[in-house]
Amino acid sequence: MKVMAIAGAITRRGFGRALCGAGLSFCGRAASVARLSWGDESGAASTRERRYRADAQILLLSVPLLHRQGVGGGSVLWRDWSEAGATLRLLEFDGYSLPARAAGLNRLGFIREMSRVVEAKTVESIYFGLMTASPEESAEQASKALHSTAKEQTYTVIDGRIIPSGSEASVAHFAAPAALSALQRPELMERARKALAAEAKVAPGPAATSDGAQGFLAALADMLLRPECRQSSYVYSGRLYWLWVTRAVDAKATAYFRERQLVAKSGSVIRVGGRLRRQQGGKDIEFRLWVEQPAERPLPLRIEYQAKSYLRLVFEAEPTRL
């Protein structure tokens, strides 16, 4: 199962490229401002996290044939803090299958982005992603992958940086024991970093867009915070992308999430239709989110994404455990 949802919407093939980032300058910013790096988020002051149950729908000619709940899980994290006159934001998405519930399929996808915003403009972003290879392109191929006896699983890892003057990215692949799952993510992350250090080559990419030096998660989060915004752009893996959204109040979803006590009685749920496309041309990729409005940090209540022609994934918010 390819569990990517928002993050997987970046490309149909998933996470690729990883960044070393050496040699990028900050274009007029003070030299005393340190480059963003992982670990800088340790001083974050305000955090919100939401966990999800992952459901799968099997489709035939876009018609649902089978729906199974709890084939996996996921989470979204949103963290903000201030530092040296700037606002820093960390966004993460994590999705994974549960082999015991997903007919033996062991899949995971993880992406995180950290960005620095100065005077309402994103001036620097870094991102890192990890994903299992999922080569199945048809229901028949997916069926053959069930209950696999393979001893190893292939992964792709990405790590990148975007600043106003340009971006850099590189990619690495590695194999790990098939028995490793999302529960062993720290070990997988360590293997990913070793693969980057041994194999990845830096490749230059485009400069930041007019919307700032942002990646996909940051662009989407910014649009969710700005109800008037309908179009944005971002940089990912050496390419420029367009991102469009539409919004509509969903009365049925509002009642449903109020009943589950995930939305305040005075709140409402907005259905957000997302569509993205590479600026140099390509096929549109669509996804849908349901978010509460108003909300200081609009974490999705539901995420829906058609990962394959035969597979639709739905991430449903779980009640917060105190």
C-alpha atoms as a PDB file:
ATOM      1  CA  MET A   1       0.000   0.000   0.000  1.00  0.00           C
ATOM      2  CA  LYS A   2       1.308   3.414  -0.912  1.00  0.00           C
ATOM      3  CA  VAL A   3       0.456   5.584   2.059  1.00  0.00           C
ATOM      4  CA  MET A   4       1.423   9.153   1.215  1.00  0.00           C
ATOM      5  CA  ALA A   5      -1.718  11.318   1.082  1.00  0.00           C
ATOM      6  CA  ILE A   6      -0.627  14.968   1.055  1.00  0.00           C
ATOM      7  CA  ALA A   7       3.026  14.224   0.848  1.00  0.00           C
ATOM      8  CA  GLY A   8       2.563  11.611  -1.812  1.00  0.00           C
ATOM      9  CA  ALA A   9       0.658  14.106  -3.912  1.00  0.00           C
ATOM     10  CA  ILE A  10       3.890  15.847  -4.720  1.00  0.00           C
ATOM     11  CA  THR A  11       4.633  13.261  -7.420  1.00  0.00           C
ATOM     12  CA  ARG A  12       3.120   9.913  -8.344  1.00  0.00           C
ATOM     13  CA  ARG A  13       6.481   8.264  -7.750  1.00  0.00           C
ATOM     14  CA  GLY A  14       6.854   9.687  -4.263  1.00  0.00           C
ATOM     15  CA  PHE A  15       9.783  11.119  -2.438  1.00  0.00           C
ATOM     16  CA  GLY A  16      13.064  11.460  -4.334  1.00  0.00           C
ATOM     17  CA  ARG A  17      16.176  13.670  -4.168  1.00  0.00           C
ATOM     18  CA  ALA A  18      18.148  14.709  -1.122  1.00  0.00           C
ATOM     19  CA  LEU A  19      19.999  17.883  -0.470  1.00  0.00           C
ATOM     20  CA  CYS A  20      23.459  18.560   0.780  1.00  0.00           C
ATOM     21  CA  GLY A  21      22.917  22.311   0.338  1.00  0.00           C
ATOM     22  CA  ALA A  22      26.552  23.432   0.400  1.00  0.00           C
ATOM     23  CA  GLY A  23      27.396  26.679  -1.314  1.00  0.00           C
ATOM     24  CA  LEU A  24      23.959  28.355  -1.303  1.00  0.00           C
ATOM     25  CA  SER A  25      24.081  32.005  -0.213  1.00  0.00           C
ATOM     26  CA  PHE A  26      21.344  33.903   1.567  1.00  0.00           C
ATOM     27  CA  CYS A  27      20.881  36.708  -0.985  1.00  0.00           C
ATOM     28  CA  GLY A  28      21.214  39.861   1.048  1.00  0.00           C
ATOM     29  CA  ARG A  29      20.464  38.364   4.463  1.00  0.00           C
ATOM     30  CA  ALA A  30      22.911  38.966   7.277  1.00  0.00           C
ATOM     31  CA  ALA A  31      25.818  36.539   7.259  1.00  0.00           C
ATOM     32  CA  SER A  32      25.346  36.041  11.001  1.00  0.00           C
ATOM     33  CA  VAL A  33      22.041  34.191  10.410  1.00  0.00           C
ATOM     34  CA  ALA A  34      22.794  30.476  10.477  1.00  0.00           C
ATOM     35  CA  ARG A  35      21.458  28.131   7.828  1.00  0.00           C
ATOM     36  CA  LEU A  36      18.481  26.033   8.828  1.00  0.00           C
ATOM     37  CA  SER A  37      19.381  22.516   9.849  1.00  0.00           C
ATOM     38  CA  TRP A  38      17.600  19.596  11.429  1.00  0.00           C
ATOM     39  CA  GLY A  39      17.782  19.892  15.198  1.00  0.00           C
ATOM     40  CA  ASP A  40      16.997  23.616  15.179  1.00  0.00           C
ATOM     41  CA  GLU A  41      13.386  22.745  16.001  1.00  0.00           C
ATOM     42  CA  SER A  42      14.230  21.601  19.536  1.00  0.00           C
ATOM     43  CA  GLY A  43      13.260  24.970  21.004  1.00  0.00           C
ATOM     44  CA  ALA A  44       9.771  25.031  19.478  1.00  0.00           C
ATOM     45  CA  ALA A  45       7.199  26.760  21.671  1.00  0.00           C
ATOM     46  CA  SER A  46       3.841  25.774  20.194  1.00  0.00           C
ATOM     47  CA  THR A  47       2.963  22.345  18.814  1.00  0.00           C
ATOM     48  CA  ARG A  48      -0.182  20.659  17.561  1.00  0.00           C
ATOM     49  CA  GLU A  49      -0.392  17.056  16.368  1.00  0.00           C
ATOM     50  CA  ARG A  50      -3.183  14.913  14.965  1.00  0.00           C
ATOM     51  CA  ARG A  51      -3.221  11.139  14.485  1.00  0.00           C
ATOM     52  CA  TYR A  52      -5.166   9.195  11.865  1.00  0.00           C
ATOM     53  CA  ARG A  53      -6.607   5.811  11.036  1.00  0.00           C
ATOM     54  CA  ALA A  54      -5.872   4.833   7.431  1.00  0.00           C
ATOM     55  CA  ASP A  55      -8.626   3.166   5.391  1.00  0.00           C
ATOM     56  CA  ALA A  56      -8.301   1.710   1.893  1.00  0.00           C
ATOM     57  CA  GLN A  57     -10.828   1.579  -0.932  1.00  0.00           C
ATOM     58  CA  ILE A  58     -10.264  -0.768  -3.881  1.00  0.00           C
ATOM     59  CA  LEU A  59     -11.647   0.682  -7.124  1.00  0.00           C
ATOM     60  CA  LEU A  60     -12.694  -0.661 -10.498  1.00  0.00           C
ATOM     61  CA  LEU A  61     -13.168   2.039 -13.149  1.00  0.00           C
ATOM     62  CA  SER A  62     -13.335   4.566 -10.283  1.00  0.00           C
ATOM     63  CA  VAL A  63     -16.190   2.634  -8.604  1.00  0.00           C
ATOM     64  CA  PRO A  64     -15.454   1.452  -5.019  1.00  0.00           C
ATOM     65  CA  LEU A  65     -15.529  -2.353  -4.769  1.00  0.00           C
ATOM     66  CA  LEU A  66     -14.034  -2.944  -1.333  1.00  0.00           C
ATOM     67  CA  HIS A  67     -13.534  -0.751   1.735  1.00  0.00           C
ATOM     68  CA  ARG A  68     -11.382  -1.835   4.636  1.00  0.00           C
ATOM     69  CA  GLN A  69     -10.802   0.235   7.758  1.00  0.00           C
ATOM     70  CA  GLY A  70      -7.644   0.374   9.818  1.00  0.00           C
ATOM     71  CA  VAL A  71      -5.142  -0.866   7.247  1.00  0.00           C
ATOM     72  CA  GLY A  72      -2.650   1.635   8.622  1.00  0.00           C
ATOM     73  CA  GLY A  73      -2.240   4.945  10.359  1.00  0.00           C
ATOM     74  CA  GLY A  74      -0.600   8.324  10.153  1.00  0.00           C
ATOM     75  CA  SER A  75       0.000  11.664  11.806  1.00  0.00           C
ATOM     76  CA  VAL A  76       0.416  15.346  11.022  1.00  0.00           C
ATOM     77  CA  LEU A  77       2.474  17.737  13.139  1.00  0.00           C
ATOM     78  CA  TRP A  78       2.512  21.557  13.063  1.00  0.00           C
ATOM     79  CA  ARG A  79       5.040  23.450  15.210  1.00  0.00           C
ATOM     80  CA  ASP A  80       5.780  27.199  15.340  1.00  0.00           C
ATOM     81  CA  TRP A  81       8.379  29.209  17.221  1.00  0.00           C
ATOM     82  CA  SER A  82      10.312  32.474  17.022  1.00  0.00           C
ATOM     83  CA  GLU A  83      14.040  32.951  16.687  1.00  0.00           C
ATOM     84  CA  ALA A  84      16.231  35.982  15.897  1.00  0.00           C
ATOM     85  CA  GLY A  85      13.375  38.066  14.542  1.00  0.00           C
ATOM     86  CA  ALA A  86      11.993  35.287  12.344  1.00  0.00           C
ATOM     87  CA  THR A  87       9.141  32.818  12.589  1.00  0.00           C
ATOM     88  CA  LEU A  88      10.101  29.178  12.148  1.00  0.00           C
ATOM     89  CA  ARG A  89       7.643  26.445  11.231  1.00  0.00           C
ATOM     90  CA  LEU A  90       8.008  22.668  11.220  1.00  0.00           C
ATOM     91  CA  LEU A  91       5.450  20.550   9.334  1.00  0.00           C
ATOM     92  CA  GLU A  92       5.424  16.762   9.168  1.00  0.00           C
ATOM     93  CA  PHE A  93       3.294  14.057   7.587  1.00  0.00           C
ATOM     94  CA  ASP A  94       3.717  10.368   8.357  1.00  0.00           C
ATOM     95  CA  GLY A  95       1.693   7.535   6.790  1.00  0.00           C
ATOM     96  CA  TYR A  96       2.154   3.793   7.101  1.00  0.00           C
ATOM     97  CA  SER A  97       0.460   0.426   6.623  1.00  0.00           C
ATOM     98  CA  LEU A  98      -0.056  -2.259   9.249  1.00  0.00           C
ATOM     99  CA  PRO A  99       1.017  -5.517   7.549  1.00  0.00           C
ATOM    100  CA  ALA A 100      -1.331  -7.591   9.699  1.00  0.00           C
ATOM    101  CA  ARG A 101      -4.263  -5.460   8.475  1.00  0.00           C
ATOM    102  CA  ALA A 102      -3.002  -4.834   4.926  1.00  0.00           C
ATOM    103  CA  ALA A 103      -2.540  -8.407   3.681  1.00  0.00           C
ATOM    104  CA  GLY A 104       1.166  -8.337   4.465  1.00  0.00           C
ATOM    105  CA  LEU A 105       1.951  -5.080   2.660  1.00  0.00           C
ATOM    106  CA  ASN A 106       4.579  -3.051   4.527  1.00  0.00           C
ATOM    107  CA  ARG A 107       4.569   0.531   3.237  1.00  0.00           C
ATOM    108  CA  LEU A 108       5.466   3.872   4.778  1.00  0.00           C
ATOM    109  CA  GLY A 109       5.955   7.455   3.705  1.00  0.00           C
ATOM    110  CA  PHE A 110       7.309  10.336   5.756  1.00  0.00           C
ATOM    111  CA  ILE A 111       8.029  13.959   4.881  1.00  0.00           C
ATOM    112  CA  ARG A 112       9.007  16.941   7.000  1.00  0.00           C
ATOM    113  CA  GLU A 113       9.671  20.580   6.145  1.00  0.00           C
ATOM    114  CA  MET A 114      11.122  23.417   8.189  1.00  0.00           C
ATOM    115  CA  SER A 115      10.877  26.995   6.993  1.00  0.00           C
ATOM    116  CA  ARG A 116      12.045  30.435   8.125  1.00  0.00           C
ATOM    117  CA  VAL A 117       9.663  33.366   7.546  1.00  0.00           C
ATOM    118  CA  VAL A 118      10.752  37.008   7.767  1.00  0.00           C
ATOM    119  CA  GLU A 119       8.213  39.814   7.314  1.00  0.00           C
ATOM    120  CA  ALA A 120       5.559  37.389   6.002  1.00  0.00           C
ATOM    121  CA  LYS A 121       7.920  35.959   3.354  1.00  0.00           C
ATOM    122  CA  THR A 122       9.480  32.490   3.433  1.00  0.00           C
ATOM    123  CA  VAL A 123      13.210  33.053   2.953  1.00  0.00           C
ATOM    124  CA  GLU A 124      14.499  29.520   3.477  1.00  0.00           C
ATOM    125  CA  SER A 125      13.128  25.973   3.626  1.00  0.00           C
ATOM    126  CA  ILE A 126      14.600  22.530   4.108  1.00  0.00           C
ATOM    127  CA  TYR A 127      12.806  19.213   3.591  1.00  0.00           C
ATOM    128  CA  PHE A 128      13.434  15.527   4.144  1.00  0.00           C
ATOM    129  CA  GLY A 129      11.393  12.523   3.029  1.00  0.00           C
ATOM    130  CA  LEU A 130      11.543   8.762   3.207  1.00  0.00           C
ATOM    131  CA  MET A 131       9.350   6.313   1.316  1.00  0.00           C
ATOM    132  CA  THR A 132       9.161   2.607   0.522  1.00  0.00           C
ATOM    133  CA  ALA A 133       9.247   1.743  -3.155  1.00  0.00           C
ATOM    134  CA  SER A 134       5.791   0.825  -4.447  1.00  0.00           C
ATOM    135  CA  PRO A 135       6.158  -0.235  -8.102  1.00  0.00           C
ATOM    136  CA  GLU A 136       2.705  -1.808  -8.486  1.00  0.00           C
ATOM    137  CA  GLU A 137       0.752  -0.009 -11.211  1.00  0.00           C
ATOM    138  CA  SER A 138      -2.250  -2.324 -11.522  1.00  0.00           C
ATOM    139  CA  ALA A 139      -4.578  -4.236  -9.236  1.00  0.00           C
ATOM    140  CA  GLU A 140      -3.119  -7.488 -10.583  1.00  0.00           C
ATOM    141  CA  GLN A 141       0.423  -6.435  -9.701  1.00  0.00           C
ATOM    142  CA  ALA A 142      -0.748  -5.281  -6.271  1.00  0.00           C
ATOM    143  CA  SER A 143      -2.407  -8.637  -5.661  1.00  0.00           C
ATOM    144  CA  LYS A 144       0.883 -10.418  -6.409  1.00  0.00           C
ATOM    145  CA  ALA A 145       2.649  -8.181  -3.867  1.00  0.00           C
ATOM    146  CA  LEU A 146       0.360  -9.343  -1.053  1.00  0.00           C
ATOM    147  CA  HIS A 147       1.935 -11.621   1.546  1.00  0.00           C
ATOM    148  CA  SER A 148       5.328 -11.095  -0.039  1.00  0.00           C
ATOM    149  CA  THR A 149       8.169 -13.352   1.107  1.00  0.00           C
ATOM    150  CA  ALA A 150      10.895 -10.890   0.060  1.00  0.00           C
ATOM    151  CA  LYS A 151      13.573 -10.443   2.694  1.00  0.00           C
ATOM    152  CA  GLU A 152      14.409  -6.836   1.746  1.00  0.00           C
ATOM    153  CA  GLN A 153      12.467  -3.668   1.053  1.00  0.00           C
ATOM    154  CA  THR A 154      13.708  -0.802  -1.148  1.00  0.00           C
ATOM    155  CA  TYR A 155      13.446   2.811   0.007  1.00  0.00           C
ATOM    156  CA  THR A 156      13.959   6.235  -1.553  1.00  0.00           C
ATOM    157  CA  VAL A 157      15.143   9.199   0.513  1.00  0.00           C
ATOM    158  CA  ILE A 158      15.098  12.956  -0.171  1.00  0.00           C
ATOM    159  CA  ASP A 159      16.565  15.961   1.606  1.00  0.00           C
ATOM    160  CA  GLY A 160      16.485  19.451   0.104  1.00  0.00           C
ATOM    161  CA  ARG A 161      16.983  23.188   0.605  1.00  0.00           C
ATOM    162  CA  ILE A 162      15.267  26.174  -1.041  1.00  0.00           C
ATOM    163  CA  ILE A 163      16.350  29.821  -0.782  1.00  0.00           C
ATOM    164  CA  PRO A 164      15.509  32.854  -2.949  1.00  0.00           C
ATOM    165  CA  SER A 165      18.558  32.445  -5.184  1.00  0.00           C
ATOM    166  CA  GLY A 166      18.085  28.760  -5.927  1.00  0.00           C
ATOM    167  CA  SER A 167      17.613  25.247  -4.618  1.00  0.00           C
ATOM    168  CA  GLU A 168      19.531  22.001  -4.499  1.00  0.00           C
ATOM    169  CA  ALA A 169      18.477  18.386  -4.278  1.00  0.00           C
ATOM    170  CA  SER A 170      19.841  14.866  -4.637  1.00  0.00           C
ATOM    171  CA  VAL A 171      18.485  11.343  -4.215  1.00  0.00           C
ATOM    172  CA  ALA A 172      19.554   8.037  -2.740  1.00  0.00           C
ATOM    173  CA  HIS A 173      18.086   4.531  -2.596  1.00  0.00           C
ATOM    174  CA  PHE A 174      18.798   1.818  -0.075  1.00  0.00           C
ATOM    175  CA  ALA A 175      17.584  -1.601   0.983  1.00  0.00           C
ATOM    176  CA  ALA A 176      16.561  -2.636   4.489  1.00  0.00           C
ATOM    177  CA  PRO A 177      15.170  -5.823   6.029  1.00  0.00           C
ATOM    178  CA  ALA A 178      11.539  -6.308   5.028  1.00  0.00           C
ATOM    179  CA  ALA A 179      10.659  -6.940   8.665  1.00  0.00           C
ATOM    180  CA  LEU A 180      11.348  -3.300   9.554  1.00  0.00           C
ATOM    181  CA  SER A 181       8.165  -1.241   9.803  1.00  0.00           C
ATOM    182  CA  ALA A 182       7.040   2.244  10.813  1.00  0.00           C
ATOM    183  CA  LEU A 183       7.692   1.248  14.424  1.00  0.00           C
ATOM    184  CA  GLN A 184      11.424   1.160  13.599  1.00  0.00           C
ATOM    185  CA  ARG A 185      11.484   4.573  11.904  1.00  0.00           C
ATOM    186  CA  PRO A 186      14.603   5.766  13.813  1.00  0.00           C
ATOM    187  CA  GLU A 187      16.574   2.839  12.367  1.00  0.00           C
ATOM    188  CA  LEU A 188      15.221   3.529   8.876  1.00  0.00           C
ATOM    189  CA  MET A 189      16.121   7.216   9.217  1.00  0.00           C
ATOM    190  CA  GLU A 190      19.675   6.288  10.185  1.00  0.00           C
ATOM    191  CA  ARG A 191      19.974   3.981   7.164  1.00  0.00           C
ATOM    192  CA  ALA A 192      18.582   6.772   4.971  1.00  0.00           C
ATOM    193  CA  ARG A 193      21.187   9.278   6.160  1.00  0.00           C
ATOM    194  CA  LYS A 194      23.981   6.773   5.572  1.00  0.00           C
ATOM    195  CA  ALA A 195      22.691   6.193   2.044  1.00  0.00           C
ATOM    196  CA  LEU A 196      22.676   9.951   1.420  1.00  0.00           C
ATOM    197  CA  ALA A 197      26.216  10.316   2.688  1.00  0.00           C
ATOM    198  CA  ALA A 198      27.440   7.432   0.521  1.00  0.00           C
ATOM    199  CA  GLU A 199      25.447   7.861  -2.697  1.00  0.00           C
ATOM    200  CA  ALA A 200      23.683  11.195  -3.037  1.00  0.00           C
ATOM    201  CA  LYS A 201      24.968  13.808  -5.476  1.00  0.00           C
ATOM    202  CA  VAL A 202      23.928  17.435  -5.234  1.00  0.00           C
ATOM    203  CA  ALA A 203      21.897  18.679  -8.208  1.00  0.00           C
ATOM    204  CA  PRO A 204      20.977  22.363  -8.640  1.00  0.00           C
ATOM    205  CA  GLY A 205      17.339  23.362  -8.945  1.00  0.00           C
ATOM    206  CA  PRO A 206      15.222  26.442  -9.672  1.00  0.00           C
ATOM    207  CA  ALA A 207      15.109  29.614  -7.620  1.00  0.00           C
ATOM    208  CA  ALA A 208      12.286  30.238  -5.175  1.00  0.00           C
ATOM    209  CA  THR A 209       8.904  31.149  -6.595  1.00  0.00           C
ATOM    210  CA  SER A 210       7.103  34.462  -6.218  1.00  0.00           C
ATOM    211  CA  ASP A 211       5.338  32.923  -3.211  1.00  0.00           C
ATOM    212  CA  GLY A 212       8.641  32.449  -1.392  1.00  0.00           C
ATOM    213  CA  ALA A 213      11.191  29.729  -0.748  1.00  0.00           C
ATOM    214  CA  GLN A 214       8.678  27.077   0.181  1.00  0.00           C
ATOM    215  CA  GLY A 215       8.006  23.400  -0.291  1.00  0.00           C
ATOM    216  CA  PHE A 216       4.697  21.593  -0.746  1.00  0.00           C
ATOM    217  CA  LEU A 217       3.647  21.306   2.903  1.00  0.00           C
ATOM    218  CA  ALA A 218       4.473  24.958   3.616  1.00  0.00           C
ATOM    219  CA  ALA A 219       2.611  26.138   0.507  1.00  0.00           C
ATOM    220  CA  LEU A 220      -0.464  24.120   1.447  1.00  0.00           C
ATOM    221  CA  ALA A 221      -0.394  25.238   5.091  1.00  0.00           C
ATOM    222  CA  ASP A 222      -0.143  28.873   4.019  1.00  0.00           C
ATOM    223  CA  MET A 223      -3.170  28.472   1.733  1.00  0.00           C
ATOM    224  CA  LEU A 224      -5.195  26.839   4.519  1.00  0.00           C
ATOM    225  CA  LEU A 225      -4.463  29.875   6.693  1.00  0.00           C
ATOM    226  CA  ARG A 226      -5.549  32.298   3.958  1.00  0.00           C
ATOM    227  CA  PRO A 227      -9.154  31.601   2.878  1.00  0.00           C
ATOM    228  CA  GLU A 228      -8.851  34.116   0.043  1.00  0.00           C
ATOM    229  CA  CYS A 229      -5.881  32.294  -1.543  1.00  0.00           C
ATOM    230  CA  ARG A 230      -6.726  30.028  -4.485  1.00  0.00           C
ATOM    231  CA  GLN A 231      -3.352  29.508  -6.198  1.00  0.00           C
ATOM    232  CA  SER A 232       0.242  29.152  -5.067  1.00  0.00           C
ATOM    233  CA  SER A 233       3.514  27.566  -6.160  1.00  0.00           C
ATOM    234  CA  TYR A 234       6.374  25.631  -4.608  1.00  0.00           C
ATOM    235  CA  VAL A 235       9.687  23.938  -5.360  1.00  0.00           C
ATOM    236  CA  TYR A 236      10.253  20.215  -4.998  1.00  0.00           C
ATOM    237  CA  SER A 237      13.059  17.952  -6.174  1.00  0.00           C
ATOM    238  CA  GLY A 238      14.455  20.443  -8.657  1.00  0.00           C
ATOM    239  CA  ARG A 239      11.092  21.331 -10.211  1.00  0.00           C
ATOM    240  CA  LEU A 240       8.512  24.108  -9.926  1.00  0.00           C
ATOM    241  CA  TYR A 241       4.879  23.219  -9.260  1.00  0.00           C
ATOM    242  CA  TRP A 242       1.512  24.985  -9.288  1.00  0.00           C
ATOM    243  CA  LEU A 243      -0.953  24.336  -6.473  1.00  0.00           C
ATOM    244  CA  TRP A 244      -4.662  25.233  -6.646  1.00  0.00           C
ATOM    245  CA  VAL A 245      -7.430  24.798  -4.056  1.00  0.00           C
ATOM    246  CA  THR A 246     -11.192  25.203  -3.939  1.00  0.00           C
ATOM    247  CA  ARG A 247     -13.246  25.471  -0.740  1.00  0.00           C
ATOM    248  CA  ALA A 248     -16.820  24.609   0.208  1.00  0.00           C
ATOM    249  CA  VAL A 249     -18.638  24.269   3.532  1.00  0.00           C
ATOM    250  CA  ASP A 250     -19.486  20.601   4.136  1.00  0.00           C
ATOM    251  CA  ALA A 251     -22.549  20.419   6.391  1.00  0.00           C
ATOM    252  CA  LYS A 252     -22.520  16.607   6.562  1.00  0.00           C
ATOM    253  CA  ALA A 253     -18.853  16.506   7.595  1.00  0.00           C
ATOM    254  CA  THR A 254     -19.478  19.306  10.114  1.00  0.00           C
ATOM    255  CA  ALA A 255     -22.193  17.248  11.837  1.00  0.00           C
ATOM    256  CA  TYR A 256     -20.045  14.097  11.707  1.00  0.00           C
ATOM    257  CA  PHE A 257     -16.942  15.644  13.265  1.00  0.00           C
ATOM    258  CA  ARG A 258     -18.992  17.559  15.838  1.00  0.00           C
ATOM    259  CA  GLU A 259     -20.535  14.263  16.911  1.00  0.00           C
ATOM    260  CA  ARG A 260     -17.043  12.806  17.284  1.00  0.00           C
ATOM    261  CA  GLN A 261     -16.077  15.887  19.344  1.00  0.00           C
ATOM    262  CA  LEU A 262     -13.304  16.791  16.934  1.00  0.00           C
ATOM    263  CA  VAL A 263     -14.896  20.121  16.018  1.00  0.00           C
ATOM    264  CA  ALA A 264     -16.244  22.797  18.341  1.00  0.00           C
ATOM    265  CA  LYS A 265     -20.027  23.261  18.377  1.00  0.00           C
ATOM    266  CA  SER A 266     -19.537  26.727  16.901  1.00  0.00           C
ATOM    267  CA  GLY A 267     -17.066  25.531  14.255  1.00  0.00           C
ATOM    268  CA  SER A 268     -17.662  24.330  10.719  1.00  0.00           C
ATOM    269  CA  VAL A 269     -15.841  21.935   8.405  1.00  0.00           C
ATOM    270  CA  ILE A 270     -14.554  23.053   5.023  1.00  0.00           C
ATOM    271  CA  ARG A 271     -13.900  20.614   2.196  1.00  0.00           C
ATOM    272  CA  VAL A 272     -10.741  21.656   0.351  1.00  0.00           C
ATOM    273  CA  GLY A 273     -10.195  20.308  -3.135  1.00  0.00           C
ATOM    274  CA  GLY A 274      -6.494  20.363  -4.034  1.00  0.00           C
ATOM    275  CA  ARG A 275      -4.877  20.078  -7.432  1.00  0.00           C
ATOM    276  CA  LEU A 276      -1.209  20.318  -8.375  1.00  0.00           C
ATOM    277  CA  ARG A 277       0.787  20.163 -11.578  1.00  0.00           C
ATOM    278  CA  ARG A 278       4.394  20.615 -12.611  1.00  0.00           C
ATOM    279  CA  GLN A 279       4.833  24.036 -14.203  1.00  0.00           C
ATOM    280  CA  GLN A 280       6.695  22.614 -17.197  1.00  0.00           C
ATOM    281  CA  GLY A 281       3.748  20.359 -17.935  1.00  0.00           C
ATOM    282  CA  GLY A 282       2.387  17.110 -16.669  1.00  0.00           C
ATOM    283  CA  LYS A 283      -0.694  15.376 -15.374  1.00  0.00           C
ATOM    284  CA  ASP A 284      -2.826  16.982 -12.688  1.00  0.00           C
ATOM    285  CA  ILE A 285      -2.769  15.257  -9.302  1.00  0.00           C
ATOM    286  CA  GLU A 286      -5.777  15.753  -7.056  1.00  0.00           C
ATOM    287  CA  PHE A 287      -6.474  15.279  -3.357  1.00  0.00           C
ATOM    288  CA  ARG A 288      -9.062  16.398  -0.819  1.00  0.00           C
ATOM    289  CA  LEU A 289      -8.842  17.650   2.753  1.00  0.00           C
ATOM    290  CA  TRP A 290     -11.460  18.442   5.381  1.00  0.00           C
ATOM    291  CA  VAL A 291     -10.436  21.135   7.876  1.00  0.00           C
ATOM    292  CA  GLU A 292     -12.092  23.067  10.660  1.00  0.00           C
ATOM    293  CA  GLN A 293     -12.512  26.806  10.238  1.00  0.00           C
ATOM    294  CA  PRO A 294     -11.727  29.021  11.920  1.00  0.00           C
ATOM    295  CA  ALA A 295      -8.594  27.330  13.289  1.00  0.00           C
ATOM    296  CA  GLU A 296      -5.202  28.714  14.327  1.00  0.00           C
ATOM    297  CA  ARG A 297      -3.510  25.623  12.872  1.00  0.00           C
ATOM    298  CA  PRO A 298      -5.924  23.884  10.481  1.00  0.00           C
ATOM    299  CA  LEU A 299      -4.726  20.293  10.689  1.00  0.00           C
ATOM    300  CA  PRO A 300      -6.870  18.093   8.413  1.00  0.00           C
ATOM    301  CA  LEU A 301      -9.699  16.100   9.928  1.00  0.00           C
ATOM    302  CA  ARG A 302      -9.699  13.847   6.883  1.00  0.00           C
ATOM    303  CA  ILE A 303      -7.236  13.359   4.019  1.00  0.00           C
ATOM    304  CA  GLU A 304      -8.261  11.599   0.821  1.00  0.00           C
ATOM    305  CA  TYR A 305      -5.897  10.700  -1.993  1.00  0.00           C
ATOM    306  CA  GLN A 306      -6.081   8.269  -4.897  1.00  0.00           C
ATOM    307  CA  ALA A 307      -2.623   6.747  -4.735  1.00  0.00           C
ATOM    308  CA  LYS A 308      -3.171   4.394  -7.688  1.00  0.00           C
ATOM    309  CA  SER A 309      -5.857   3.942 -10.324  1.00  0.00           C
ATOM    310  CA  TYR A 310      -7.204   1.049  -8.238  1.00  0.00           C
ATOM    311  CA  LEU A 311      -6.515   2.399  -4.729  1.00  0.00           C
ATOM    312  CA  ARG A 312      -7.914   5.313  -2.742  1.00  0.00           C
ATOM    313  CA  LEU A 313      -6.519   6.064   0.713  1.00  0.00           C
ATOM    314  CA  VAL A 314      -8.463   7.903   3.393  1.00  0.00           C
ATOM    315  CA  PHE A 315      -6.859   9.154   6.601  1.00  0.00           C
ATOM    316  CA  GLU A 316      -9.512   9.733   9.261  1.00  0.00           C
ATOM    317  CA  ALA A 317      -8.686  11.768  12.392  1.00  0.00           C
ATOM    318  CA  GLU A 318      -8.714   9.861  15.661  1.00  0.00           C
ATOM    319  CA  PRO A 319      -9.974  11.418  18.904  1.00  0.00           C
ATOM    320  CA  THR A 320      -7.193  12.959  20.981  1.00  0.00           C
ATOM    321  CA  ARG A 321      -6.055  10.714  23.805  1.00  0.00           C
ATOM    322  CA  LEU A 322      -5.501  12.563  27.060  1.00  0.00           C
END
